[in-house]
């Protein structure tokens, strides 16, 4: 996954997640970053087309029940969960 790991949009989202979680809960931050890195890999090489505002996307990802989550983000979160579920079913 070398291309995925250096994708600028993915890196911007992960940076925002780290900033928004902060250092108060390093385990949560690490787990969230690893999960999101994996999930966003499904979008490579189109991550930048799916996520136009990494800061807002990170906030929405961290607070998926918030009313600030856009319908497009909600659909994307659902799709990412479905893809992960399919992989887990294959295992």
Protein backbone atom coordinates (compact mmCIF):
# COMPACT_ATOMS: atom_id res chain seq x y z
CA UNK A 1 0.00 0.00 0.00
CA UNK A 2 2.84 2.45 -0.66
CA UNK A 3 0.71 4.86 -2.74
CA UNK A 4 -2.04 4.91 -0.13
CA UNK A 5 0.31 5.75 2.72
CA UNK A 6 1.71 8.80 0.93
CA UNK A 7 -1.59 10.14 -0.42
CA UNK A 8 -1.72 13.84 0.56
CA UNK A 9 -5.44 13.87 1.36
CA UNK A 10 -5.14 10.75 3.51
CA UNK A 11 -2.22 12.31 5.38
CA UNK A 12 -4.18 15.54 5.89
CA UNK A 13 -7.17 13.64 7.29
CA UNK A 14 -4.99 11.57 9.62
CA UNK A 15 -3.22 14.71 10.83
CA UNK A 16 -6.57 16.34 11.58
CA UNK A 17 -7.75 13.25 13.48
CA UNK A 18 -4.61 13.36 15.60
CA UNK A 19 -5.04 17.07 16.29
CA UNK A 20 -8.74 16.76 17.10
CA UNK A 21 -8.34 13.79 19.45
CA UNK A 22 -5.28 15.33 21.05
CA UNK A 23 -2.82 13.78 23.42
CA UNK A 24 -5.29 13.14 26.23
CA UNK A 25 -6.02 9.65 24.92
CA UNK A 26 -3.03 8.32 22.94
CA UNK A 27 -4.53 4.81 22.62
CA UNK A 28 -7.74 6.15 21.10
CA UNK A 29 -5.74 8.36 18.76
CA UNK A 30 -3.55 5.46 17.59
CA UNK A 31 -6.48 3.08 17.12
CA UNK A 32 -8.54 5.67 15.25
CA UNK A 33 -5.66 6.61 12.95
CA UNK A 34 -4.92 2.96 12.12
CA UNK A 35 -8.58 2.16 11.46
CA UNK A 36 -9.07 5.22 9.31
CA UNK A 37 -5.85 4.59 7.38
CA UNK A 38 -7.14 1.12 6.56
CA UNK A 39 -10.64 2.32 5.62
CA UNK A 40 -9.45 5.18 3.44
CA UNK A 41 -7.28 2.72 1.54
CA UNK A 42 -10.50 1.59 -0.18
CA UNK A 43 -10.70 5.03 -1.78
CA UNK A 44 -7.17 5.11 -3.20
CA UNK A 45 -6.35 6.73 -5.66
CA UNK A 46 -9.57 8.77 -5.48
CA UNK A 47 -9.34 9.92 -1.86
CA UNK A 48 -9.07 13.58 -2.87
CA UNK A 49 -12.28 13.33 -4.91
CA UNK A 50 -14.21 11.79 -2.02
CA UNK A 51 -12.83 14.12 0.67
CA UNK A 52 -12.62 17.79 -0.21
CA UNK A 53 -12.17 19.15 3.34
CA UNK A 54 -9.91 16.95 5.51
CA UNK A 55 -10.58 19.00 8.66
CA UNK A 56 -14.37 18.71 8.36
CA UNK A 57 -14.15 15.07 7.34
CA UNK A 58 -12.02 14.26 10.40
CA UNK A 59 -14.49 16.02 12.71
CA UNK A 60 -17.39 14.19 11.08
CA UNK A 61 -15.59 10.86 11.35
CA UNK A 62 -14.96 11.41 15.04
CA UNK A 63 -18.55 12.56 15.68
CA UNK A 64 -20.61 10.55 13.19
CA UNK A 65 -23.87 11.17 15.06
CA UNK A 66 -23.47 14.94 14.86
CA UNK A 67 -25.88 16.97 12.77
CA UNK A 68 -22.89 18.61 11.05
CA UNK A 69 -22.14 15.38 9.18
CA UNK A 70 -23.11 15.89 5.55
CA UNK A 71 -25.26 13.36 3.69
CA UNK A 72 -22.28 12.60 1.43
CA UNK A 73 -20.07 11.91 4.46
CA UNK A 74 -22.73 9.72 6.03
CA UNK A 75 -23.02 7.74 2.79
CA UNK A 76 -19.24 7.41 2.63
CA UNK A 77 -19.04 6.20 6.25
CA UNK A 78 -21.72 3.60 5.53
CA UNK A 79 -19.90 2.45 2.40
CA UNK A 80 -16.58 2.16 4.25
CA UNK A 81 -18.26 0.07 6.96
CA UNK A 82 -19.82 -2.18 4.32
CA UNK A 83 -16.46 -2.76 2.65
CA UNK A 84 -14.84 -3.65 5.97
CA UNK A 85 -17.74 -5.97 6.76
CA UNK A 86 -17.28 -7.77 3.43
CA UNK A 87 -13.60 -8.32 4.18
CA UNK A 88 -14.41 -9.65 7.64
CA UNK A 89 -16.95 -12.07 6.13
CA UNK A 90 -14.25 -13.40 3.81
CA UNK A 91 -11.84 -14.09 6.67
